[in-house]
Amino acid sequence: MSSADLFRAACSRFTTGVAVLTTRAPDGAPHGLTANSFSSISLAPPLVMVAVAHDCTALEHFKSSGFYAVNILREEQIDLSVRFAELPEGRFTGVPWREGTTRAPVIEGVLAVLECKTIESVDLGDHRVLIGEVVEVEVGEGRPLVFFGSGYTRLE
């Protein structure tokens, strides 16, 4: 096993939640992608980080908009995770969403939403890390969509 494969295998042993990151293009078009590279950083002020691959077509919109939303998915929303990970176009087609306080698309019916103003971004390896100050929070009910061992699983 190569060192890259071993690294990937080790990281897959860390259980994560699944979120859809959303933002808007300058023309107002919504853009989003599935991510599990998300973490809280600070409570005061409330800060989070997300990482977006350099080869992601939506990265330019995240860089230019200055805002994003972290839409944390519920366990029954595997279809949204797959849609925003695999569809090259039309990811928002048929998905109920509204404009949030920051103008980022907020997906209806998710477990939680953190709307963020980007305060810093850093290129690290093959990703750009966006650090955001949380400016709006919504919390829903349900159980989280969980990713472990390179696949979806459920909390028992």
N, C-alpha and C. Protein backbone atom coordinates (compact mmCIF):
# COMPACT_ATOMS: atom_id res chain seq x y z
N MET A 1 0.85 -1.18 0.00
CA MET A 1 0.00 0.00 0.00
C MET A 1 0.89 1.24 0.00
N SER A 2 0.63 2.16 -0.92
CA SER A 2 1.44 3.38 -0.98
C SER A 2 1.18 4.25 0.25
N SER A 3 2.07 5.19 0.50
CA SER A 3 1.89 6.08 1.65
C SER A 3 0.62 6.93 1.48
N ALA A 4 0.27 7.31 0.24
CA ALA A 4 -0.98 8.07 0.00
C ALA A 4 -2.19 7.20 0.32
N ASP A 5 -2.16 5.93 -0.09
CA ASP A 5 -3.27 5.02 0.20
C ASP A 5 -3.39 4.77 1.71
N LEU A 6 -2.26 4.63 2.37
CA LEU A 6 -2.25 4.40 3.81
C LEU A 6 -2.80 5.63 4.54
N PHE A 7 -2.40 6.82 4.09
CA PHE A 7 -2.90 8.07 4.66
C PHE A 7 -4.42 8.15 4.50
N ARG A 8 -4.92 7.86 3.30
CA ARG A 8 -6.36 7.89 3.03
C ARG A 8 -7.09 6.88 3.92
N ALA A 9 -6.54 5.68 4.04
CA ALA A 9 -7.17 4.65 4.87
C ALA A 9 -7.24 5.08 6.33
N ALA A 10 -6.16 5.68 6.82
CA ALA A 10 -6.15 6.14 8.21
C ALA A 10 -7.18 7.25 8.42
N CYS A 11 -7.25 8.19 7.50
CA CYS A 11 -8.21 9.30 7.62
C CYS A 11 -9.65 8.80 7.53
N SER A 12 -9.88 7.72 6.78
CA SER A 12 -11.24 7.19 6.66
C SER A 12 -11.72 6.58 7.97
N ARG A 13 -10.83 6.37 8.91
CA ARG A 13 -11.20 5.83 10.21
C ARG A 13 -11.70 6.90 11.17
N PHE A 14 -11.66 8.16 10.72
CA PHE A 14 -12.18 9.27 11.51
C PHE A 14 -13.61 9.53 11.07
N THR A 15 -14.56 9.33 11.97
CA THR A 15 -15.97 9.52 11.65
C THR A 15 -16.26 11.01 11.51
N THR A 16 -16.99 11.36 10.43
CA THR A 16 -17.35 12.76 10.22
C THR A 16 -18.83 12.87 9.90
N GLY A 17 -19.34 14.06 10.08
CA GLY A 17 -20.66 14.38 9.57
C GLY A 17 -20.50 14.74 8.10
N VAL A 18 -21.63 14.99 7.44
CA VAL A 18 -21.62 15.36 6.03
C VAL A 18 -22.40 16.65 5.88
N ALA A 19 -21.85 17.57 5.09
CA ALA A 19 -22.50 18.86 4.87
C ALA A 19 -22.46 19.21 3.39
N VAL A 20 -23.34 20.10 3.01
CA VAL A 20 -23.29 20.69 1.68
C VAL A 20 -22.90 22.15 1.88
N LEU A 21 -21.76 22.53 1.30
CA LEU A 21 -21.30 23.92 1.35
C LEU A 21 -21.94 24.66 0.19
N THR A 22 -22.46 25.84 0.45
CA THR A 22 -23.13 26.61 -0.60
C THR A 22 -22.65 28.05 -0.63
N THR A 23 -22.70 28.63 -1.81
CA THR A 23 -22.37 30.03 -2.01
C THR A 23 -23.07 30.51 -3.28
N ARG A 24 -22.81 31.76 -3.67
CA ARG A 24 -23.42 32.31 -4.88
C ARG A 24 -22.33 32.88 -5.79
N ALA A 25 -22.57 32.76 -7.09
CA ALA A 25 -21.69 33.39 -8.08
C ALA A 25 -22.05 34.87 -8.16
N PRO A 26 -21.20 35.68 -8.78
CA PRO A 26 -21.51 37.11 -8.93
C PRO A 26 -22.85 37.36 -9.63
N ASP A 27 -23.26 36.46 -10.52
CA ASP A 27 -24.55 36.63 -11.21
C ASP A 27 -25.73 36.12 -10.38
N GLY A 28 -25.47 35.64 -9.15
CA GLY A 28 -26.52 35.17 -8.25
C GLY A 28 -26.80 33.69 -8.33
N ALA A 29 -26.19 32.99 -9.28
CA ALA A 29 -26.42 31.55 -9.42
C ALA A 29 -25.91 30.81 -8.18
N PRO A 30 -26.70 29.84 -7.65
CA PRO A 30 -26.25 29.09 -6.49
C PRO A 30 -25.24 28.02 -6.88
N HIS A 31 -24.28 27.79 -6.01
CA HIS A 31 -23.28 26.74 -6.21
C HIS A 31 -23.09 26.01 -4.89
N GLY A 32 -22.80 24.71 -4.99
CA GLY A 32 -22.60 23.93 -3.79
C GLY A 32 -21.85 22.65 -4.05
N LEU A 33 -21.34 22.07 -2.97
CA LEU A 33 -20.61 20.82 -3.04
C LEU A 33 -20.71 20.09 -1.72
N THR A 34 -20.59 18.78 -1.78
CA THR A 34 -20.60 17.96 -0.57
C THR A 34 -19.22 18.01 0.07
N ALA A 35 -19.21 18.10 1.40
CA ALA A 35 -17.93 18.17 2.11
C ALA A 35 -18.04 17.51 3.48
N ASN A 36 -16.95 16.91 3.89
CA ASN A 36 -16.83 16.50 5.28
C ASN A 36 -15.57 17.12 5.89
N SER A 37 -14.92 17.98 5.12
CA SER A 37 -13.77 18.73 5.63
C SER A 37 -14.28 20.02 6.26
N PHE A 38 -14.86 19.86 7.43
CA PHE A 38 -15.47 20.98 8.17
C PHE A 38 -15.15 20.81 9.64
N SER A 39 -14.86 21.91 10.30
CA SER A 39 -14.59 21.85 11.73
C SER A 39 -14.85 23.20 12.37
N SER A 40 -15.29 23.16 13.62
CA SER A 40 -15.36 24.41 14.38
C SER A 40 -13.95 24.73 14.86
N ILE A 41 -13.68 26.02 15.01
CA ILE A 41 -12.36 26.46 15.44
C ILE A 41 -12.43 27.18 16.78
N SER A 42 -13.42 28.08 16.92
CA SER A 42 -13.47 28.97 18.08
C SER A 42 -14.91 29.27 18.44
N LEU A 43 -15.15 29.45 19.75
CA LEU A 43 -16.47 29.88 20.22
C LEU A 43 -16.58 31.39 20.29
N ALA A 44 -15.48 32.07 20.63
CA ALA A 44 -15.51 33.53 20.78
C ALA A 44 -14.30 34.13 20.09
N PRO A 45 -14.48 34.64 18.87
CA PRO A 45 -15.72 34.67 18.10
C PRO A 45 -16.01 33.28 17.50
N PRO A 46 -17.26 33.06 17.07
CA PRO A 46 -17.59 31.77 16.47
C PRO A 46 -16.95 31.63 15.09
N LEU A 47 -15.99 30.70 14.97
CA LEU A 47 -15.26 30.49 13.72
C LEU A 47 -15.31 29.02 13.33
N VAL A 48 -15.39 28.78 12.02
CA VAL A 48 -15.34 27.43 11.47
C VAL A 48 -14.38 27.43 10.29
N MET A 49 -14.00 26.22 9.86
CA MET A 49 -13.19 26.10 8.65
C MET A 49 -13.75 25.02 7.77
N VAL A 50 -13.61 25.24 6.47
CA VAL A 50 -13.96 24.24 5.47
C VAL A 50 -12.81 24.18 4.48
N ALA A 51 -12.65 23.03 3.83
CA ALA A 51 -11.59 22.89 2.84
C ALA A 51 -12.22 22.48 1.51
N VAL A 52 -11.82 23.19 0.45
CA VAL A 52 -12.35 22.93 -0.90
C VAL A 52 -11.16 22.63 -1.81
N ALA A 53 -11.25 21.54 -2.55
CA ALA A 53 -10.16 21.13 -3.44
C ALA A 53 -9.91 22.17 -4.52
N HIS A 54 -8.65 22.37 -4.86
CA HIS A 54 -8.29 23.33 -5.91
C HIS A 54 -8.91 22.99 -7.25
N ASP A 55 -9.16 21.71 -7.52
CA ASP A 55 -9.74 21.34 -8.81
C ASP A 55 -11.27 21.37 -8.82
N CYS A 56 -11.88 21.84 -7.75
CA CYS A 56 -13.34 21.96 -7.68
C CYS A 56 -13.79 23.16 -8.52
N THR A 57 -14.75 22.93 -9.40
CA THR A 57 -15.20 24.00 -10.30
C THR A 57 -15.88 25.14 -9.55
N ALA A 58 -16.42 24.88 -8.37
CA ALA A 58 -17.11 25.93 -7.61
C ALA A 58 -16.15 26.77 -6.76
N LEU A 59 -14.89 26.38 -6.66
CA LEU A 59 -13.97 27.09 -5.78
C LEU A 59 -13.90 28.58 -6.08
N GLU A 60 -13.87 28.95 -7.35
CA GLU A 60 -13.80 30.38 -7.70
C GLU A 60 -14.96 31.17 -7.10
N HIS A 61 -16.14 30.57 -7.04
CA HIS A 61 -17.30 31.25 -6.48
C HIS A 61 -17.16 31.40 -4.96
N PHE A 62 -16.61 30.38 -4.29
CA PHE A 62 -16.36 30.49 -2.86
C PHE A 62 -15.31 31.56 -2.58
N LYS A 63 -14.30 31.66 -3.43
CA LYS A 63 -13.25 32.65 -3.24
C LYS A 63 -13.77 34.06 -3.46
N SER A 64 -14.61 34.26 -4.47
CA SER A 64 -15.04 35.62 -4.83
C SER A 64 -16.23 36.14 -4.02
N SER A 65 -17.06 35.25 -3.49
CA SER A 65 -18.30 35.71 -2.84
C SER A 65 -18.08 36.34 -1.47
N GLY A 66 -17.13 35.79 -0.72
CA GLY A 66 -16.90 36.31 0.62
C GLY A 66 -17.84 35.71 1.67
N PHE A 67 -18.64 34.72 1.29
CA PHE A 67 -19.56 34.09 2.23
C PHE A 67 -19.84 32.65 1.80
N TYR A 68 -20.31 31.87 2.75
CA TYR A 68 -20.75 30.51 2.45
C TYR A 68 -21.64 30.02 3.58
N ALA A 69 -22.40 28.96 3.29
CA ALA A 69 -23.20 28.31 4.32
C ALA A 69 -22.80 26.85 4.41
N VAL A 70 -22.78 26.36 5.63
CA VAL A 70 -22.54 24.95 5.89
C VAL A 70 -23.90 24.35 6.24
N ASN A 71 -24.45 23.56 5.33
CA ASN A 71 -25.74 22.91 5.52
C ASN A 71 -25.48 21.49 5.99
N ILE A 72 -25.65 21.22 7.28
CA ILE A 72 -25.33 19.92 7.86
C ILE A 72 -26.51 18.97 7.61
N LEU A 73 -26.20 17.83 6.98
CA LEU A 73 -27.25 16.92 6.52
C LEU A 73 -27.74 15.96 7.59
N ARG A 74 -29.02 15.58 7.44
CA ARG A 74 -29.65 14.58 8.30
C ARG A 74 -29.42 13.20 7.70
N GLU A 75 -29.57 12.15 8.50
CA GLU A 75 -29.23 10.80 8.05
C GLU A 75 -30.05 10.35 6.84
N GLU A 76 -31.23 10.89 6.65
CA GLU A 76 -32.04 10.49 5.49
C GLU A 76 -31.73 11.32 4.24
N GLN A 77 -30.72 12.17 4.28
CA GLN A 77 -30.39 13.04 3.15
C GLN A 77 -29.17 12.57 2.36
N ILE A 78 -28.96 11.27 2.29
CA ILE A 78 -27.87 10.71 1.49
C ILE A 78 -27.99 11.19 0.04
N ASP A 79 -29.23 11.27 -0.46
CA ASP A 79 -29.44 11.69 -1.85
C ASP A 79 -28.87 13.09 -2.10
N LEU A 80 -29.01 14.01 -1.13
CA LEU A 80 -28.43 15.35 -1.29
C LEU A 80 -26.91 15.29 -1.30
N SER A 81 -26.35 14.47 -0.44
CA SER A 81 -24.90 14.32 -0.39
C SER A 81 -24.38 13.83 -1.74
N VAL A 82 -25.02 12.80 -2.28
CA VAL A 82 -24.59 12.24 -3.56
C VAL A 82 -24.80 13.25 -4.68
N ARG A 83 -25.94 13.92 -4.70
CA ARG A 83 -26.25 14.93 -5.73
C ARG A 83 -25.17 16.00 -5.79
N PHE A 84 -24.82 16.56 -4.63
CA PHE A 84 -23.86 17.67 -4.61
C PHE A 84 -22.41 17.20 -4.75
N ALA A 85 -22.19 15.88 -4.68
CA ALA A 85 -20.85 15.34 -4.90
C ALA A 85 -20.64 14.90 -6.34
N GLU A 86 -21.71 14.43 -7.00
CA GLU A 86 -21.52 13.77 -8.30
C GLU A 86 -22.07 14.52 -9.50
N LEU A 87 -23.15 15.27 -9.35
CA LEU A 87 -23.73 15.94 -10.52
C LEU A 87 -22.82 17.07 -10.98
N PRO A 88 -22.45 17.11 -12.25
CA PRO A 88 -21.61 18.21 -12.73
C PRO A 88 -22.39 19.52 -12.85
N GLU A 89 -23.67 19.44 -13.14
CA GLU A 89 -24.52 20.63 -13.28
C GLU A 89 -25.90 20.33 -12.70
N GLY A 90 -26.66 21.38 -12.41
CA GLY A 90 -28.03 21.21 -11.96
C GLY A 90 -28.16 20.68 -10.55
N ARG A 91 -27.18 20.93 -9.71
CA ARG A 91 -27.22 20.39 -8.35
C ARG A 91 -28.40 20.92 -7.54
N PHE A 92 -28.84 22.14 -7.82
CA PHE A 92 -29.94 22.73 -7.06
C PHE A 92 -31.31 22.45 -7.68
N THR A 93 -31.35 21.83 -8.84
CA THR A 93 -32.62 21.54 -9.50
C THR A 93 -33.49 20.64 -8.63
N GLY A 94 -34.67 21.14 -8.26
CA GLY A 94 -35.60 20.38 -7.44
C GLY A 94 -35.28 20.36 -5.96
N VAL A 95 -34.23 21.06 -5.55
CA VAL A 95 -33.85 21.11 -4.13
C VAL A 95 -34.41 22.39 -3.52
N PRO A 96 -35.28 22.26 -2.51
CA PRO A 96 -35.83 23.47 -1.89
C PRO A 96 -34.77 24.22 -1.09
N TRP A 97 -34.59 25.48 -1.44
CA TRP A 97 -33.62 26.32 -0.74
C TRP A 97 -34.10 27.76 -0.76
N ARG A 98 -33.50 28.56 0.10
CA ARG A 98 -33.82 29.99 0.16
C ARG A 98 -32.52 30.76 0.37
N GLU A 99 -32.58 32.03 0.10
CA GLU A 99 -31.42 32.89 0.31
C GLU A 99 -31.29 33.18 1.80
N GLY A 100 -30.11 32.94 2.33
CA GLY A 100 -29.87 33.22 3.74
C GLY A 100 -29.49 34.67 3.97
N THR A 101 -29.20 34.98 5.20
CA THR A 101 -28.79 36.34 5.60
C THR A 101 -27.57 36.81 4.82
N THR A 102 -26.64 35.89 4.56
CA THR A 102 -25.41 36.23 3.86
C THR A 102 -25.56 36.17 2.34
N ARG A 103 -26.73 35.78 1.84
CA ARG A 103 -27.04 35.51 0.44
C ARG A 103 -26.69 34.08 0.04
N ALA A 104 -26.02 33.32 0.93
CA ALA A 104 -25.70 31.93 0.63
C ALA A 104 -26.99 31.12 0.58
N PRO A 105 -27.07 30.13 -0.32
CA PRO A 105 -28.23 29.25 -0.34
C PRO A 105 -28.32 28.42 0.94
N VAL A 106 -29.48 28.45 1.56
CA VAL A 106 -29.77 27.64 2.74
C VAL A 106 -30.74 26.55 2.30
N ILE A 107 -30.31 25.31 2.41
CA ILE A 107 -31.13 24.18 1.99
C ILE A 107 -32.17 23.88 3.07
N GLU A 108 -33.41 23.75 2.64
CA GLU A 108 -34.51 23.50 3.57
C GLU A 108 -34.42 22.08 4.14
N GLY A 109 -34.80 21.94 5.41
CA GLY A 109 -34.92 20.62 6.03
C GLY A 109 -33.65 19.96 6.47
N VAL A 110 -32.54 20.70 6.54
CA VAL A 110 -31.29 20.10 6.99
C VAL A 110 -31.22 20.11 8.51
N LEU A 111 -30.24 19.43 9.07
CA LEU A 111 -30.09 19.32 10.51
C LEU A 111 -29.66 20.64 11.16
N ALA A 112 -28.78 21.36 10.49
CA ALA A 112 -28.32 22.66 10.99
C ALA A 112 -27.69 23.44 9.85
N VAL A 113 -27.65 24.76 10.02
CA VAL A 113 -27.02 25.64 9.04
C VAL A 113 -26.16 26.65 9.78
N LEU A 114 -24.95 26.84 9.30
CA LEU A 114 -24.08 27.90 9.79
C LEU A 114 -23.76 28.80 8.60
N GLU A 115 -24.23 30.03 8.64
CA GLU A 115 -23.89 30.98 7.59
C GLU A 115 -22.64 31.74 8.02
N CYS A 116 -21.69 31.84 7.10
CA CYS A 116 -20.38 32.37 7.44
C CYS A 116 -19.93 33.48 6.50
N LYS A 117 -19.21 34.42 7.07
CA LYS A 117 -18.50 35.44 6.30
C LYS A 117 -17.04 35.00 6.28
N THR A 118 -16.48 34.84 5.09
CA THR A 118 -15.09 34.41 4.98
C THR A 118 -14.18 35.52 5.50
N ILE A 119 -13.35 35.17 6.50
CA ILE A 119 -12.44 36.17 7.05
C ILE A 119 -10.99 35.90 6.67
N GLU A 120 -10.73 34.66 6.23
CA GLU A 120 -9.38 34.32 5.79
C GLU A 120 -9.44 33.08 4.91
N SER A 121 -8.54 33.00 3.96
CA SER A 121 -8.41 31.77 3.18
C SER A 121 -6.94 31.50 2.94
N VAL A 122 -6.62 30.21 2.95
CA VAL A 122 -5.23 29.80 2.85
C VAL A 122 -5.15 28.60 1.91
N ASP A 123 -4.20 28.64 0.98
CA ASP A 123 -3.94 27.49 0.13
C ASP A 123 -2.99 26.55 0.87
N LEU A 124 -3.46 25.32 1.09
CA LEU A 124 -2.66 24.31 1.77
C LEU A 124 -2.77 23.01 1.00
N GLY A 125 -1.65 22.51 0.50
CA GLY A 125 -1.68 21.28 -0.29
C GLY A 125 -2.58 21.44 -1.50
N ASP A 126 -3.47 20.47 -1.69
CA ASP A 126 -4.35 20.51 -2.86
C ASP A 126 -5.72 21.12 -2.54
N HIS A 127 -5.83 21.85 -1.42
CA HIS A 127 -7.09 22.47 -1.02
C HIS A 127 -6.89 23.95 -0.67
N ARG A 128 -8.00 24.67 -0.70
CA ARG A 128 -8.05 26.02 -0.14
C ARG A 128 -8.90 25.91 1.13
N VAL A 129 -8.36 26.39 2.23
CA VAL A 129 -9.07 26.39 3.51
C VAL A 129 -9.71 27.75 3.69
N LEU A 130 -11.02 27.74 3.89
CA LEU A 130 -11.78 28.97 4.12
C LEU A 130 -12.15 29.04 5.59
N ILE A 131 -11.70 30.08 6.24
CA ILE A 131 -12.06 30.30 7.64
C ILE A 131 -13.19 31.31 7.65
N GLY A 132 -14.28 30.94 8.30
CA GLY A 132 -15.46 31.80 8.30
C GLY A 132 -15.91 32.16 9.69
N GLU A 133 -16.33 33.41 9.84
CA GLU A 133 -16.98 33.84 11.07
C GLU A 133 -18.47 33.54 10.92
N VAL A 134 -19.01 32.81 11.86
CA VAL A 134 -20.42 32.41 11.81
C VAL A 134 -21.27 33.63 12.17
N VAL A 135 -22.16 34.01 11.26
CA VAL A 135 -23.00 35.19 11.47
C VAL A 135 -24.48 34.84 11.63
N GLU A 136 -24.84 33.61 11.33
CA GLU A 136 -26.24 33.17 11.47
C GLU A 136 -26.23 31.66 11.68
N VAL A 137 -27.09 31.18 12.58
CA VAL A 137 -27.17 29.76 12.91
C VAL A 137 -28.63 29.33 12.94
N GLU A 138 -28.90 28.15 12.39
CA GLU A 138 -30.21 27.51 12.50
C GLU A 138 -29.97 26.08 12.94
N VAL A 139 -30.81 25.59 13.84
CA VAL A 139 -30.69 24.22 14.33
C VAL A 139 -32.04 23.52 14.15
N GLY A 140 -32.01 22.37 13.49
CA GLY A 140 -33.21 21.57 13.29
C GLY A 140 -33.19 20.33 14.16
N GLU A 141 -34.10 19.43 13.88
CA GLU A 141 -34.21 18.18 14.62
C GLU A 141 -33.81 17.01 13.73
N GLY A 142 -33.39 15.92 14.34
CA GLY A 142 -33.07 14.72 13.59
C GLY A 142 -31.74 14.15 14.00
N ARG A 143 -31.28 13.21 13.18
CA ARG A 143 -30.00 12.53 13.40
C ARG A 143 -29.07 12.87 12.24
N PRO A 144 -27.75 12.90 12.49
CA PRO A 144 -26.81 13.31 11.45
C PRO A 144 -26.51 12.23 10.42
N LEU A 145 -26.22 12.67 9.21
CA LEU A 145 -25.65 11.79 8.19
C LEU A 145 -24.18 11.61 8.56
N VAL A 146 -23.74 10.35 8.65
CA VAL A 146 -22.41 10.03 9.15
C VAL A 146 -21.62 9.30 8.08
N PHE A 147 -20.33 9.64 7.99
CA PHE A 147 -19.43 9.03 7.02
C PHE A 147 -18.27 8.39 7.78
N PHE A 148 -18.01 7.10 7.48
CA PHE A 148 -16.92 6.37 8.14
C PHE A 148 -16.45 5.27 7.21
N GLY A 149 -15.15 5.07 7.14
CA GLY A 149 -14.59 3.98 6.33
C GLY A 149 -14.95 4.11 4.87
N SER A 150 -14.97 5.33 4.36
CA SER A 150 -15.29 5.64 2.95
C SER A 150 -16.72 5.31 2.57
N GLY A 151 -17.64 5.33 3.54
CA GLY A 151 -19.04 5.09 3.22
C GLY A 151 -19.96 5.67 4.29
N TYR A 152 -21.25 5.75 3.94
CA TYR A 152 -22.25 6.25 4.88
C TYR A 152 -22.55 5.18 5.90
N THR A 153 -22.83 5.60 7.13
CA THR A 153 -23.21 4.69 8.19
C THR A 153 -24.19 5.41 9.09
N ARG A 154 -24.69 4.71 10.08
CA ARG A 154 -25.64 5.30 11.04
C ARG A 154 -25.09 5.20 12.44
N LEU A 155 -25.47 6.15 13.27
CA LEU A 155 -25.15 6.06 14.68
C LEU A 155 -26.09 5.03 15.30
N GLU A 156 -25.58 4.22 16.18
CA GLU A 156 -26.42 3.21 16.85
C GLU A 156 -26.80 3.69 18.22
